[in-house]
Protein backbone atom coordinates (compact mmCIF):
# COMPACT_ATOMS: atom_id res chain seq x y z
CA MET A 1 -0.11 -24.51 -20.54
CA ASN A 2 2.24 -21.49 -20.64
CA SER A 3 4.48 -20.11 -17.86
CA LEU A 4 1.63 -17.97 -16.50
CA GLY A 5 -0.50 -21.06 -15.97
CA ILE A 6 -2.91 -20.19 -18.81
CA THR A 7 -4.06 -22.93 -21.18
CA LYS A 8 -2.86 -21.21 -24.35
CA ILE A 9 0.47 -20.98 -26.06
CA ALA A 10 2.31 -17.77 -25.18
CA LYS A 11 1.93 -15.99 -28.52
CA ASP A 12 -1.86 -16.40 -28.34
CA THR A 13 -2.00 -15.09 -24.76
CA LYS A 14 -2.67 -11.37 -24.41
CA VAL A 15 -1.26 -9.88 -21.22
CA VAL A 16 -1.66 -6.34 -19.96
CA VAL A 17 1.45 -5.14 -18.10
CA ALA A 18 0.94 -2.19 -15.75
CA MET A 19 3.96 0.00 -16.57
CA SER A 20 4.71 2.79 -14.11
CA GLY A 21 8.01 3.76 -15.73
CA GLY A 22 10.10 2.19 -12.97
CA VAL A 23 12.55 -0.69 -13.20
CA ASP A 24 10.21 -3.34 -11.74
CA SER A 25 7.27 -2.97 -14.11
CA SER A 26 9.60 -2.36 -17.07
CA THR A 27 11.44 -5.60 -16.31
CA VAL A 28 8.15 -7.48 -16.11
CA ALA A 29 7.22 -6.17 -19.56
CA GLY A 30 10.62 -7.35 -20.82
CA ILE A 31 10.18 -10.81 -19.29
CA MET A 32 6.72 -11.21 -20.84
CA LYS A 33 7.99 -10.09 -24.25
CA SER A 34 11.01 -12.43 -24.10
CA GLU A 35 8.71 -15.35 -23.23
CA GLY A 36 6.70 -14.67 -26.38
CA TYR A 37 3.47 -13.23 -24.95
CA ASN A 38 1.29 -10.72 -26.77
CA VAL A 39 2.11 -7.78 -24.48
CA VAL A 40 0.14 -4.56 -24.08
CA GLY A 41 1.89 -2.08 -21.79
CA ILE A 42 -0.43 0.36 -20.05
CA THR A 43 0.66 3.42 -18.10
CA LEU A 44 -1.77 5.31 -15.89
CA LYS A 45 -1.58 9.08 -15.72
CA LEU A 46 -2.92 9.69 -12.26
CA TYR A 47 -2.34 13.38 -11.60
CA ASP A 48 -1.20 16.57 -13.25
CA ASP A 49 2.38 16.88 -12.04
CA ALA A 50 2.48 20.58 -12.94
CA LYS A 51 -0.40 21.26 -10.54
CA THR A 52 0.89 19.08 -7.72
CA SER A 53 4.50 20.34 -7.97
CA VAL A 54 5.69 16.72 -8.05
CA LYS A 55 9.18 16.28 -9.46
CA SER A 56 10.16 13.71 -12.06
CA ARG A 57 11.16 10.81 -9.79
CA GLN A 58 7.61 9.72 -9.03
CA CYS A 59 5.33 7.20 -10.65
CA CYS A 60 2.40 7.83 -12.97
CA ALA A 61 3.30 11.36 -14.12
CA GLY A 62 5.92 13.38 -15.99
CA GLN A 63 9.23 11.67 -16.62
CA ASP A 64 7.97 8.22 -15.65
CA ILE A 65 5.40 8.20 -18.44
CA LEU A 66 8.17 9.04 -20.92
CA ASP A 67 10.35 6.29 -19.45
CA ALA A 68 7.54 3.75 -19.83
CA LYS A 69 7.02 4.82 -23.43
CA ARG A 70 10.75 4.41 -24.18
CA VAL A 71 10.77 0.94 -22.63
CA ALA A 72 7.77 -0.08 -24.74
CA GLN A 73 9.51 1.19 -27.88
CA LYS A 74 12.70 -0.68 -26.96
CA LEU A 75 10.72 -3.92 -26.42
CA ASN A 76 8.57 -3.30 -29.50
CA ILE A 77 5.31 -3.74 -27.61
CA LYS A 78 2.06 -1.84 -27.83
CA HIS A 79 1.79 0.95 -25.27
CA GLU A 80 -1.22 2.94 -24.08
CA ILE A 81 -1.75 5.72 -21.56
CA LEU A 82 -4.98 5.78 -19.58
CA TYR A 83 -5.95 9.13 -18.12
CA TYR A 84 -7.26 8.40 -14.63
CA GLN A 85 -6.64 11.77 -12.96
CA THR A 86 -10.28 12.24 -11.93
CA LYS A 87 -10.56 8.70 -10.54
CA PHE A 88 -7.27 9.07 -8.66
CA LYS A 89 -8.23 12.43 -7.17
CA LYS A 90 -11.54 11.03 -5.88
CA ASP A 91 -10.44 7.57 -4.72
CA VAL A 92 -6.90 8.22 -3.48
CA ILE A 93 -6.03 11.88 -2.88
CA ASP A 94 -9.41 12.87 -1.38
CA SER A 95 -9.43 9.73 0.77
CA PHE A 96 -5.88 10.51 1.96
CA VAL A 97 -6.76 14.09 2.89
CA ASN A 98 -10.03 13.14 4.61
CA SER A 99 -8.30 10.42 6.62
CA TYR A 100 -5.70 12.81 8.00
CA ALA A 101 -8.43 15.37 8.76
CA ILE A 102 -10.08 12.94 11.19
CA GLY A 103 -6.83 12.06 12.96
CA GLU A 104 -5.93 8.91 11.04
CA THR A 105 -2.68 7.91 9.32
CA PRO A 106 -3.70 6.66 5.85
CA ILE A 107 -1.93 4.39 3.36
CA PRO A 108 -2.64 5.78 -0.13
CA CYS A 109 -0.70 2.97 -1.85
CA VAL A 110 -3.32 0.46 -0.69
CA GLN A 111 -6.12 2.74 -1.91
CA CYS A 112 -4.38 3.11 -5.26
CA ASN A 113 -4.02 -0.65 -5.72
CA GLN A 114 -7.59 -1.21 -4.57
CA THR A 115 -9.12 1.36 -6.92
CA VAL A 116 -7.44 2.64 -10.07
CA LYS A 117 -5.05 -0.30 -10.48
CA PHE A 118 -6.87 -3.47 -9.46
CA ARG A 119 -10.38 -2.18 -10.15
CA ASP A 120 -10.27 0.23 -13.09
CA LEU A 121 -7.22 -1.17 -14.89
CA PHE A 122 -8.52 -4.69 -14.17
CA ASP A 123 -11.82 -3.77 -15.85
CA TYR A 124 -9.99 -2.29 -18.84
CA ALA A 125 -7.82 -5.39 -19.24
CA LYS A 126 -10.97 -7.52 -19.27
CA GLU A 127 -12.57 -5.13 -21.74
CA ILE A 128 -9.75 -5.56 -24.27
CA LYS A 129 -9.97 -9.36 -23.84
CA ALA A 130 -6.64 -9.78 -22.04
CA ASP A 131 -5.90 -13.14 -20.44
CA ALA A 132 -4.03 -11.69 -17.47
CA LEU A 133 -3.02 -8.44 -15.79
CA VAL A 134 0.70 -8.56 -14.92
CA THR A 135 2.37 -6.20 -12.45
CA GLY A 136 5.80 -5.56 -10.93
CA HIS A 137 4.70 -6.12 -7.34
CA TYR A 138 6.91 -8.30 -5.15
CA VAL A 139 4.43 -10.94 -4.02
CA ASN A 140 4.08 -14.64 -4.74
CA ARG A 141 0.98 -16.13 -6.30
CA ILE A 142 0.30 -19.86 -6.12
CA GLN A 143 -2.49 -21.55 -8.06
CA LYS A 144 -4.29 -24.24 -6.06
CA ASN A 145 -7.45 -26.14 -7.02
CA GLY A 146 -8.32 -23.59 -9.70
CA SER A 147 -8.01 -20.64 -7.31
CA ALA A 148 -5.05 -18.33 -6.65
CA GLN A 149 -3.44 -17.69 -3.27
CA MET A 150 -1.14 -14.80 -2.34
CA TYR A 151 2.11 -15.21 -0.39
CA ARG A 152 4.91 -12.96 0.76
CA ALA A 153 7.71 -12.41 -1.75
CA GLU A 154 10.98 -14.30 -1.74
CA ASP A 155 12.79 -11.01 -1.11
CA LEU A 156 11.23 -10.00 2.21
CA SER A 157 12.93 -6.60 2.07
CA ARG A 158 10.83 -5.86 -1.04
CA ASP A 159 7.65 -7.76 -0.10
CA GLN A 160 4.51 -5.77 -0.98
CA SER A 161 1.82 -8.18 0.19
CA TYR A 162 0.78 -5.77 2.98
CA PHE A 163 -0.28 -3.25 0.32
CA LEU A 164 -2.35 -5.82 -1.59
CA PHE A 165 -4.55 -7.21 1.20
CA ASN A 166 -7.67 -5.68 -0.38
CA THR A 167 -7.26 -7.63 -3.63
CA THR A 168 -10.40 -9.65 -4.35
CA GLN A 169 -10.33 -13.33 -5.23
CA GLU A 170 -11.58 -12.54 -8.75
CA GLN A 171 -8.74 -10.06 -9.23
CA LEU A 172 -6.12 -12.41 -7.79
CA ASN A 173 -7.18 -15.18 -10.17
CA PHE A 174 -6.54 -12.78 -13.09
CA LEU A 175 -3.34 -11.17 -11.76
CA ARG A 176 0.24 -12.40 -12.20
CA PHE A 177 3.39 -11.29 -10.32
CA PRO A 178 6.57 -12.51 -12.10
CA LEU A 179 8.94 -10.80 -9.63
CA GLY A 180 7.71 -12.70 -6.57
CA LYS A 181 10.59 -15.18 -6.69
CA LEU A 182 13.30 -12.63 -7.55
CA LEU A 183 15.63 -10.47 -5.51
CA LYS A 184 15.74 -6.80 -6.43
CA LYS A 185 19.31 -7.16 -7.69
CA ASP A 186 18.11 -9.91 -10.05
CA THR A 187 15.41 -7.61 -11.40
CA ARG A 188 17.96 -4.90 -12.14
CA LYS A 189 20.25 -7.44 -13.83
CA ILE A 190 17.43 -8.58 -16.14
CA ALA A 191 16.67 -4.94 -16.98
CA SER A 192 20.36 -4.36 -17.71
CA ASP A 193 20.58 -7.51 -19.86
CA LEU A 194 17.56 -6.24 -21.80
CA ASN A 195 19.35 -2.89 -22.17
CA LEU A 196 16.40 -0.99 -20.72
CA ASN A 197 16.90 2.73 -20.06
CA VAL A 198 15.52 2.36 -16.51
CA ALA A 199 17.88 -0.41 -15.34
CA ASP A 200 19.66 1.90 -12.87
CA LYS A 201 16.73 4.21 -12.15
CA PRO A 202 16.34 4.86 -8.39
CA ASP A 203 13.17 3.69 -6.64
CA SER A 204 10.62 6.29 -5.60
CA GLN A 205 10.66 6.76 -1.84
CA ASP A 206 7.80 9.18 -1.22
CA ILE A 207 4.05 8.91 -1.76
CA CYS A 208 3.71 9.75 -5.46
CA PHE A 209 1.54 12.88 -5.06
CA VAL A 210 3.34 14.16 -1.93
CA PRO A 211 6.45 16.15 -2.93
CA ASN A 212 9.45 15.55 -0.66
CA GLY A 213 7.30 13.75 1.89
CA ASP A 214 5.56 16.99 2.88
CA TYR A 215 2.04 15.59 3.28
CA ALA A 216 0.92 18.63 5.31
CA SER A 217 1.30 20.89 2.27
CA VAL A 218 -0.97 18.61 0.23
CA ILE A 219 -3.64 18.63 2.94
CA LYS A 220 -3.35 22.40 3.33
CA LYS A 221 -3.95 22.82 -0.38
CA PHE A 222 -7.14 20.74 -0.43
CA ARG A 223 -8.43 21.22 3.14
CA PRO A 224 -6.94 24.44 4.60
CA GLU A 225 -9.59 24.46 7.34
CA THR A 226 -7.94 21.42 8.94
CA PHE A 227 -5.10 23.66 10.15
CA LYS A 228 -7.06 24.66 13.23
CA LYS A 229 -5.26 25.44 16.49
CA GLY A 230 -6.03 23.28 19.50
CA ASN A 231 -4.74 21.92 22.78
CA ILE A 232 -2.02 19.41 23.55
CA LEU A 233 -2.87 17.39 26.66
CA ASP A 234 -0.91 15.04 28.87
CA THR A 235 -2.33 11.67 29.90
CA SER A 236 -4.05 13.15 32.95
CA GLY A 237 -6.02 15.57 30.78
CA LYS A 238 -3.94 18.64 31.65
CA ILE A 239 -3.33 21.19 28.88
CA ILE A 240 0.44 21.48 28.42
CA GLY A 241 0.68 23.16 25.04
CA LYS A 242 -0.93 24.26 21.78
CA HIS A 243 -0.82 22.81 18.27
CA GLU A 244 -1.35 24.30 14.81
CA GLY A 245 -3.59 21.48 13.53
CA ILE A 246 -3.98 17.77 14.23
CA ILE A 247 -2.90 16.89 10.70
CA ASN A 248 0.67 17.77 11.74
CA PHE A 249 0.73 14.75 14.07
CA THR A 250 0.74 10.97 13.80
CA ILE A 251 0.55 8.30 16.50
CA GLY A 252 4.04 7.49 17.80
CA GLN A 253 5.53 10.80 16.69
CA ARG A 254 8.27 12.21 18.92
CA LYS A 255 9.80 15.11 17.00
CA GLY A 256 7.91 18.33 16.38
CA ILE A 257 5.77 18.29 19.53
CA LYS A 258 7.66 21.40 20.77
CA ILE A 259 7.01 20.90 24.47
CA SER A 260 9.83 20.91 27.00
CA HIS A 261 9.60 17.92 29.35
CA GLN A 262 11.97 15.96 31.56
CA GLU A 263 11.16 12.73 29.70
CA PRO A 264 10.67 12.26 25.92
CA LEU A 265 7.03 12.82 24.89
CA TYR A 266 5.24 10.86 22.18
CA VAL A 267 1.93 11.42 20.44
CA ILE A 268 -0.25 8.64 21.84
CA ASP A 269 -3.70 9.74 20.68
CA ILE A 270 -5.35 12.21 18.31
CA LYS A 271 -8.91 13.28 19.09
CA ALA A 272 -10.37 14.84 15.95
CA ASN A 273 -13.78 15.52 17.54
CA THR A 274 -12.23 17.81 20.18
CA ASN A 275 -9.21 18.86 18.09
CA GLU A 276 -6.84 17.59 20.79
CA VAL A 277 -3.47 15.85 20.71
CA ILE A 278 -2.58 13.59 23.65
CA VAL A 279 1.11 13.13 24.48
CA GLY A 280 2.80 10.96 27.04
CA ASP A 281 5.37 8.32 27.88
CA LYS A 282 6.40 5.75 25.27
CA GLU A 283 4.81 2.97 27.35
CA PHE A 284 1.37 4.34 26.49
CA LEU A 285 2.00 3.52 22.82
CA LYS A 286 1.78 -0.21 23.53
CA ILE A 287 -1.36 -1.73 22.02
CA LYS A 288 -2.63 -5.31 22.32
CA LYS A 289 -6.19 -5.02 20.97
CA ILE A 290 -7.31 -3.40 17.74
CA PHE A 291 -10.63 -3.12 15.94
CA LEU A 292 -10.98 -3.36 12.18
CA LYS A 293 -13.55 -2.29 9.60
CA ASP A 294 -14.09 -3.12 5.91
CA ILE A 295 -12.62 -6.61 6.14
CA ASN A 296 -11.52 -8.34 2.93
CA LEU A 297 -10.85 -12.09 3.18
CA LEU A 298 -8.78 -14.26 0.84
CA GLY A 299 -8.79 -17.31 3.10
CA ASP A 300 -10.51 -18.96 6.04
CA LEU A 301 -9.30 -17.41 9.30
CA LYS A 302 -11.07 -19.99 11.47
CA SER A 303 -9.09 -22.88 10.03
CA CYS A 304 -5.88 -20.94 10.75
CA SER A 305 -6.84 -19.75 14.23
CA GLU A 306 -3.83 -21.43 15.86
CA ASN A 307 -1.49 -20.26 13.12
CA LEU A 308 -2.60 -16.67 12.60
CA TYR A 309 -0.20 -13.76 12.26
CA VAL A 310 -0.86 -10.10 11.59
CA LYS A 311 1.13 -7.16 10.32
CA VAL A 312 -0.02 -3.71 11.46
CA ARG A 313 2.38 -1.54 9.47
CA SER A 314 4.17 -2.02 6.16
CA THR A 315 7.62 -2.11 7.77
CA GLY A 316 6.51 -4.07 10.84
CA LYS A 317 7.07 -7.67 11.81
CA LEU A 318 4.58 -10.53 11.79
CA THR A 319 2.92 -10.93 15.20
CA LYS A 320 0.87 -13.90 16.43
CA ALA A 321 -2.73 -12.94 17.05
CA LYS A 322 -6.31 -14.05 17.59
CA ALA A 323 -9.13 -12.61 15.51
CA GLU A 324 -12.89 -12.55 15.84
CA ILE A 325 -14.77 -11.72 12.65
CA ASP A 326 -18.25 -10.19 12.63
CA ASN A 327 -19.40 -9.58 9.05
CA SER A 328 -17.15 -6.79 7.74
CA LYS A 329 -15.65 -6.02 11.17
CA ALA A 330 -13.10 -7.75 13.37
CA SER A 331 -11.41 -7.48 16.73
CA VAL A 332 -7.79 -8.60 16.89
CA THR A 333 -5.83 -9.44 20.03
CA LEU A 334 -2.05 -9.41 19.64
CA GLU A 335 0.07 -11.95 21.50
CA ASP A 336 2.78 -9.31 21.94
CA ALA A 337 1.96 -5.62 22.26
CA GLU A 338 2.89 -3.40 19.30
CA MET A 339 3.99 0.22 19.58
CA GLY A 340 2.11 3.14 18.09
CA ILE A 341 -0.64 1.47 16.07
CA SER A 342 -2.68 4.15 14.31
CA PRO A 343 -6.25 4.21 12.97
CA GLY A 344 -6.18 4.50 9.18
CA GLN A 345 -3.44 1.89 8.83
CA ALA A 346 -4.10 -1.68 7.74
CA CYS A 347 -3.99 -4.92 9.69
CA VAL A 348 -3.15 -7.80 7.34
CA PHE A 349 -3.73 -11.47 8.19
CA TYR A 350 -1.17 -14.20 7.39
CA SER A 351 -0.84 -17.91 8.08
CA LYS A 352 2.24 -20.06 7.59
CA ASN A 353 2.36 -23.28 5.58
CA LYS A 354 4.90 -25.15 3.47
CA PHE A 355 4.81 -22.47 0.76
CA GLY A 356 5.53 -19.60 3.16
CA HIS A 357 3.31 -16.95 4.71
CA ARG A 358 -0.03 -16.76 2.93
CA VAL A 359 -2.07 -13.57 2.86
CA LEU A 360 -5.55 -14.27 4.23
CA GLY A 361 -6.83 -10.71 3.78
CA GLY A 362 -7.10 -7.86 6.23
CA GLY A 363 -8.96 -4.73 7.21
CA TRP A 364 -8.58 -1.08 8.13
CA ILE A 365 -7.70 -0.21 11.72
CA ASN A 366 -10.68 1.72 13.07
CA LYS A 367 -9.68 2.09 16.71
CA THR A 368 -7.45 0.58 19.37
CA THR A 369 -7.70 -0.10 23.09
CA LYS A 370 -5.84 2.80 24.68
CA LEU A 371 -3.78 2.27 27.82
CA TYR A 372 -3.49 5.83 29.15
CA PRO A 373 -5.72 6.95 32.05
CA HIS A 374 -7.40 10.03 30.52
CA ASN A 375 -9.36 8.25 27.80
């Protein structure tokens, strides 16, 4: 059995490495090559960077594709580019725009992993008879009784398990994550030791198709009708201002409300059906009960009912919770209230055991129990 847990010797094991052109995926390709695997690097072209005005420091377009190609040449591995612009536009960009249009705060990175990466690239890897699909995500994968389990990464500051909650069991059994046990500085050192051109390349900070974090400009391009003026209300239902479109607001937002008030005002609700934004005191952002749709499970929540934690935002902490599952829906009660939970975000389930915090799946936040009086 080789280091990936596959019952073949390394040189007879074909692995597809998803290469975005960044340091993480490039390092993974280098590790696989150095361990003697038959490596096929695949880069996805997901959008036309000329049309989206996206600059070079983003994944899956422009400079990053060239960087991935150079890494593949340096490692002497086969490299392919798959042109998934149409799939990405439909499954990720359109979903992102539509979510904002109905007052949600979406997470396109989850949609991207769920669709073009772990669905379409997964299918292609199977099609070319690969033995595994290897990525540069920071998550741990542990094989147990012939089935894989997902855990948070060793480097919690880099952990990406929140973004992978929608991975299916079939996909997880096929996937491998060599960086799960590494710190980011270790990854960069390996890249430097391999003399890869991306060893010091900065990480992308923004959503890949949103230049400079200006998501409103992307929505305006695809759905200009969403910039419709409406009312800003306080928690008693009184109109206290006007807005230029609900897509300019997210739950928990403080800046940009443009209303003078003796106390700081926060966006506490967005009502797409009436085109209204509700603002109020920070206390009204506290949420203890949330409702989920489109649940994906990677473990048994009932057996972990006394040891269940959830994460309701990618940068948030783990919070103890109780969950009631009903087919593809769930209601979740948090032990401690969380601030500013927004529909469109994900709620990811975890349980703790001797290996760490295991990902049990999750779902999309559909609605929350609001605490303000005018509801």
